[in-house]
Amino acid sequence: MNGFDQRLKTSWWALRIALGVGPIVAGADKFFNKLADWGMYLSPYAKVIPISTPAFMHVVGVVEIVAGLIVLSRWTRIGAYIVMAWLLAIAINLVTTGMFYDLAVRDVEIAVGAFVLSQLTAVRESALSAVAVA
């Protein structure tokens, strides 16, 4: 494997670990609120949902944990798309609060990283298939 391939492999692993572990940690914290008071980031539009803010955050936490686990599984490409879509939804939620624009931008940038992981995974899977056939 040449140096370029090794850098791609290292980049893929870095993104996979970060975009797998990050949602799991954030999702688990939706139950404990040690990293942040997650309810304060909830859009006023989302508060029309007929469940309490803590219950809603628990549902969000489960979704994030599952998304992170999918990224770390053999379905990395699908998981990366899920994480990307989820982060874009969070960014939209943050913008509708009328504040937290900086966090919305950060989440869009992380969503771009999730998209890159999905693309790197597709290339990696193609390369591995080509090697297996050869």
C-alpha atoms as a PDB file:
ATOM      1  CA  MET A   1       0.000   0.000   0.000  1.00  0.00           C
ATOM      2  CA  ASN A   2       1.515   3.324  -0.995  1.00  0.00           C
ATOM      3  CA  GLY A   3       1.591   6.446   1.214  1.00  0.00           C
ATOM      4  CA  PHE A   4      -1.485   7.974  -0.414  1.00  0.00           C
ATOM      5  CA  ASP A   5      -3.557   4.866   0.306  1.00  0.00           C
ATOM      6  CA  GLN A   6      -2.333   4.827   3.907  1.00  0.00           C
ATOM      7  CA  ARG A   7      -3.373   8.473   4.390  1.00  0.00           C
ATOM      8  CA  LEU A   8      -6.829   7.691   3.018  1.00  0.00           C
ATOM      9  CA  LYS A   9      -7.085   4.713   5.355  1.00  0.00           C
ATOM     10  CA  THR A  10      -6.005   6.835   8.341  1.00  0.00           C
ATOM     11  CA  SER A  11      -8.469   9.581   7.381  1.00  0.00           C
ATOM     12  CA  TRP A  12     -11.294   7.047   7.040  1.00  0.00           C
ATOM     13  CA  TRP A  13     -10.585   5.571  10.488  1.00  0.00           C
ATOM     14  CA  ALA A  14     -10.328   9.016  12.116  1.00  0.00           C
ATOM     15  CA  LEU A  15     -13.677  10.088  10.688  1.00  0.00           C
ATOM     16  CA  ARG A  16     -15.308   6.748  11.446  1.00  0.00           C
ATOM     17  CA  ILE A  17     -14.228   6.774  15.092  1.00  0.00           C
ATOM     18  CA  ALA A  18     -15.084  10.448  15.640  1.00  0.00           C
ATOM     19  CA  LEU A  19     -18.466  10.274  13.895  1.00  0.00           C
ATOM     20  CA  GLY A  20     -19.298   6.993  15.634  1.00  0.00           C
ATOM     21  CA  VAL A  21     -18.175   7.757  19.167  1.00  0.00           C
ATOM     22  CA  GLY A  22     -19.284  11.430  19.163  1.00  0.00           C
ATOM     23  CA  PRO A  23     -22.995  10.708  18.652  1.00  0.00           C
ATOM     24  CA  ILE A  24     -22.870   7.864  21.180  1.00  0.00           C
ATOM     25  CA  VAL A  25     -21.386  10.151  23.850  1.00  0.00           C
ATOM     26  CA  ALA A  26     -23.757  13.022  23.046  1.00  0.00           C
ATOM     27  CA  GLY A  27     -26.704  10.634  22.908  1.00  0.00           C
ATOM     28  CA  ALA A  28     -25.876   9.048  26.244  1.00  0.00           C
ATOM     29  CA  ASP A  29     -25.518  12.501  27.784  1.00  0.00           C
ATOM     30  CA  LYS A  30     -29.118  13.300  26.798  1.00  0.00           C
ATOM     31  CA  PHE A  31     -29.963  11.120  29.819  1.00  0.00           C
ATOM     32  CA  PHE A  32     -27.505  12.773  32.239  1.00  0.00           C
ATOM     33  CA  ASN A  33     -27.007  16.404  31.089  1.00  0.00           C
ATOM     34  CA  LYS A  34     -23.372  16.494  32.205  1.00  0.00           C
ATOM     35  CA  LEU A  35     -21.979  17.981  28.980  1.00  0.00           C
ATOM     36  CA  ALA A  36     -24.818  20.464  28.514  1.00  0.00           C
ATOM     37  CA  ASP A  37     -28.407  21.264  29.394  1.00  0.00           C
ATOM     38  CA  TRP A  38     -29.634  19.850  26.093  1.00  0.00           C
ATOM     39  CA  GLY A  39     -33.200  21.057  26.540  1.00  0.00           C
ATOM     40  CA  MET A  40     -32.118  24.677  26.179  1.00  0.00           C
ATOM     41  CA  TYR A  41     -31.189  24.000  22.545  1.00  0.00           C
ATOM     42  CA  LEU A  42     -34.680  22.797  21.663  1.00  0.00           C
ATOM     43  CA  SER A  43     -36.521  25.021  19.198  1.00  0.00           C
ATOM     44  CA  PRO A  44     -39.749  26.625  20.385  1.00  0.00           C
ATOM     45  CA  TYR A  45     -41.357  24.929  17.358  1.00  0.00           C
ATOM     46  CA  ALA A  46     -40.364  21.504  18.678  1.00  0.00           C
ATOM     47  CA  LYS A  47     -41.977  22.255  22.027  1.00  0.00           C
ATOM     48  CA  VAL A  48     -45.427  21.715  20.484  1.00  0.00           C
ATOM     49  CA  ILE A  49     -44.681  17.987  20.517  1.00  0.00           C
ATOM     50  CA  PRO A  50     -46.904  16.489  23.238  1.00  0.00           C
ATOM     51  CA  ILE A  51     -44.085  15.067  25.373  1.00  0.00           C
ATOM     52  CA  SER A  52     -41.885  16.720  27.943  1.00  0.00           C
ATOM     53  CA  THR A  53     -38.544  18.199  26.949  1.00  0.00           C
ATOM     54  CA  PRO A  54     -36.594  15.563  28.961  1.00  0.00           C
ATOM     55  CA  ALA A  55     -38.567  12.739  27.310  1.00  0.00           C
ATOM     56  CA  PHE A  56     -37.948  14.278  23.880  1.00  0.00           C
ATOM     57  CA  MET A  57     -34.219  14.540  24.658  1.00  0.00           C
ATOM     58  CA  HIS A  58     -34.198  10.858  25.669  1.00  0.00           C
ATOM     59  CA  VAL A  59     -35.655   9.942  22.262  1.00  0.00           C
ATOM     60  CA  VAL A  60     -33.023  12.148  20.611  1.00  0.00           C
ATOM     61  CA  GLY A  61     -30.364  10.396  22.682  1.00  0.00           C
ATOM     62  CA  VAL A  62     -31.476   6.960  21.537  1.00  0.00           C
ATOM     63  CA  VAL A  63     -31.424   8.080  17.882  1.00  0.00           C
ATOM     64  CA  GLU A  64     -27.901   9.473  18.310  1.00  0.00           C
ATOM     65  CA  ILE A  65     -26.623   6.324  20.019  1.00  0.00           C
ATOM     66  CA  VAL A  66     -28.073   4.119  17.284  1.00  0.00           C
ATOM     67  CA  ALA A  67     -26.626   6.369  14.555  1.00  0.00           C
ATOM     68  CA  GLY A  68     -23.181   6.203  16.167  1.00  0.00           C
ATOM     69  CA  LEU A  69     -23.369   2.422  16.459  1.00  0.00           C
ATOM     70  CA  ILE A  70     -24.319   2.129  12.777  1.00  0.00           C
ATOM     71  CA  VAL A  71     -21.278   4.231  11.822  1.00  0.00           C
ATOM     72  CA  LEU A  72     -19.071   1.883  13.845  1.00  0.00           C
ATOM     73  CA  SER A  73     -20.705  -1.217  12.340  1.00  0.00           C
ATOM     74  CA  ARG A  74     -20.244  -2.739   8.904  1.00  0.00           C
ATOM     75  CA  TRP A  75     -22.858  -0.233   7.639  1.00  0.00           C
ATOM     76  CA  THR A  76     -20.571   2.785   8.024  1.00  0.00           C
ATOM     77  CA  ARG A  77     -21.692   4.432   4.772  1.00  0.00           C
ATOM     78  CA  ILE A  78     -25.386   4.293   5.718  1.00  0.00           C
ATOM     79  CA  GLY A  79     -24.596   5.423   9.249  1.00  0.00           C
ATOM     80  CA  ALA A  80     -22.608   8.374   7.932  1.00  0.00           C
ATOM     81  CA  TYR A  81     -25.595   9.496   5.858  1.00  0.00           C
ATOM     82  CA  ILE A  82     -27.824   9.162   8.938  1.00  0.00           C
ATOM     83  CA  VAL A  83     -25.398  11.221  11.041  1.00  0.00           C
ATOM     84  CA  MET A  84     -25.178  13.817   8.259  1.00  0.00           C
ATOM     85  CA  ALA A  85     -28.966  14.167   8.001  1.00  0.00           C
ATOM     86  CA  TRP A  86     -29.325  14.232  11.779  1.00  0.00           C
ATOM     87  CA  LEU A  87     -26.736  16.992  12.136  1.00  0.00           C
ATOM     88  CA  LEU A  88     -28.436  19.058   9.437  1.00  0.00           C
ATOM     89  CA  ALA A  89     -31.746  18.646  11.291  1.00  0.00           C
ATOM     90  CA  ILE A  90     -30.057  19.762  14.516  1.00  0.00           C
ATOM     91  CA  ALA A  91     -28.610  22.794  12.704  1.00  0.00           C
ATOM     92  CA  ILE A  92     -32.081  23.734  11.448  1.00  0.00           C
ATOM     93  CA  ASN A  93     -33.440  23.310  14.971  1.00  0.00           C
ATOM     94  CA  LEU A  94     -30.694  25.566  16.337  1.00  0.00           C
ATOM     95  CA  VAL A  95     -31.368  28.280  13.753  1.00  0.00           C
ATOM     96  CA  THR A  96     -35.069  28.292  14.662  1.00  0.00           C
ATOM     97  CA  THR A  97     -34.213  29.096  18.272  1.00  0.00           C
ATOM     98  CA  GLY A  98     -33.066  32.532  17.126  1.00  0.00           C
ATOM     99  CA  MET A  99     -29.677  31.952  18.723  1.00  0.00           C
ATOM    100  CA  PHE A 100     -26.917  29.320  18.679  1.00  0.00           C
ATOM    101  CA  TYR A 101     -25.997  30.177  15.084  1.00  0.00           C
ATOM    102  CA  ASP A 102     -22.383  29.310  15.851  1.00  0.00           C
ATOM    103  CA  LEU A 103     -23.401  25.811  16.906  1.00  0.00           C
ATOM    104  CA  ALA A 104     -25.566  25.455  13.800  1.00  0.00           C
ATOM    105  CA  VAL A 105     -22.566  26.293  11.598  1.00  0.00           C
ATOM    106  CA  ARG A 106     -20.433  23.808  13.518  1.00  0.00           C
ATOM    107  CA  ASP A 107     -23.045  21.078  13.042  1.00  0.00           C
ATOM    108  CA  VAL A 108     -23.229  21.784   9.293  1.00  0.00           C
ATOM    109  CA  GLU A 109     -19.443  21.468   9.119  1.00  0.00           C
ATOM    110  CA  ILE A 110     -19.537  18.158  11.000  1.00  0.00           C
ATOM    111  CA  ALA A 111     -22.320  17.028   8.632  1.00  0.00           C
ATOM    112  CA  VAL A 112     -19.920  17.708   5.746  1.00  0.00           C
ATOM    113  CA  GLY A 113     -17.400  15.462   7.521  1.00  0.00           C
ATOM    114  CA  ALA A 114     -20.064  12.739   7.741  1.00  0.00           C
ATOM    115  CA  PHE A 115     -20.692  13.126   4.004  1.00  0.00           C
ATOM    116  CA  VAL A 116     -16.951  12.768   3.362  1.00  0.00           C
ATOM    117  CA  LEU A 117     -16.927   9.593   5.485  1.00  0.00           C
ATOM    118  CA  SER A 118     -19.773   8.168   3.381  1.00  0.00           C
ATOM    119  CA  GLN A 119     -17.851   8.917   0.183  1.00  0.00           C
ATOM    120  CA  LEU A 120     -14.568   7.510   1.502  1.00  0.00           C
ATOM    121  CA  THR A 121     -16.454   4.402   2.623  1.00  0.00           C
ATOM    122  CA  ALA A 122     -17.930   3.932  -0.853  1.00  0.00           C
ATOM    123  CA  VAL A 123     -14.457   4.167  -2.399  1.00  0.00           C
ATOM    124  CA  ARG A 124     -13.021   1.836   0.233  1.00  0.00           C
ATOM    125  CA  GLU A 125     -15.791  -0.732  -0.332  1.00  0.00           C
ATOM    126  CA  SER A 126     -15.197  -0.606  -4.102  1.00  0.00           C
ATOM    127  CA  ALA A 127     -11.466  -1.096  -3.610  1.00  0.00           C
ATOM    128  CA  LEU A 128     -12.005  -4.007  -1.222  1.00  0.00           C
ATOM    129  CA  SER A 129     -14.471  -5.616  -3.667  1.00  0.00           C
ATOM    130  CA  ALA A 130     -11.973  -5.247  -6.499  1.00  0.00           C
ATOM    131  CA  VAL A 131      -9.265  -6.912  -4.416  1.00  0.00           C
ATOM    132  CA  ALA A 132     -11.614  -9.747  -3.401  1.00  0.00           C
ATOM    133  CA  VAL A 133     -12.558 -10.434  -7.044  1.00  0.00           C
ATOM    134  CA  ALA A 134      -8.966 -10.322  -8.266  1.00  0.00           C
END
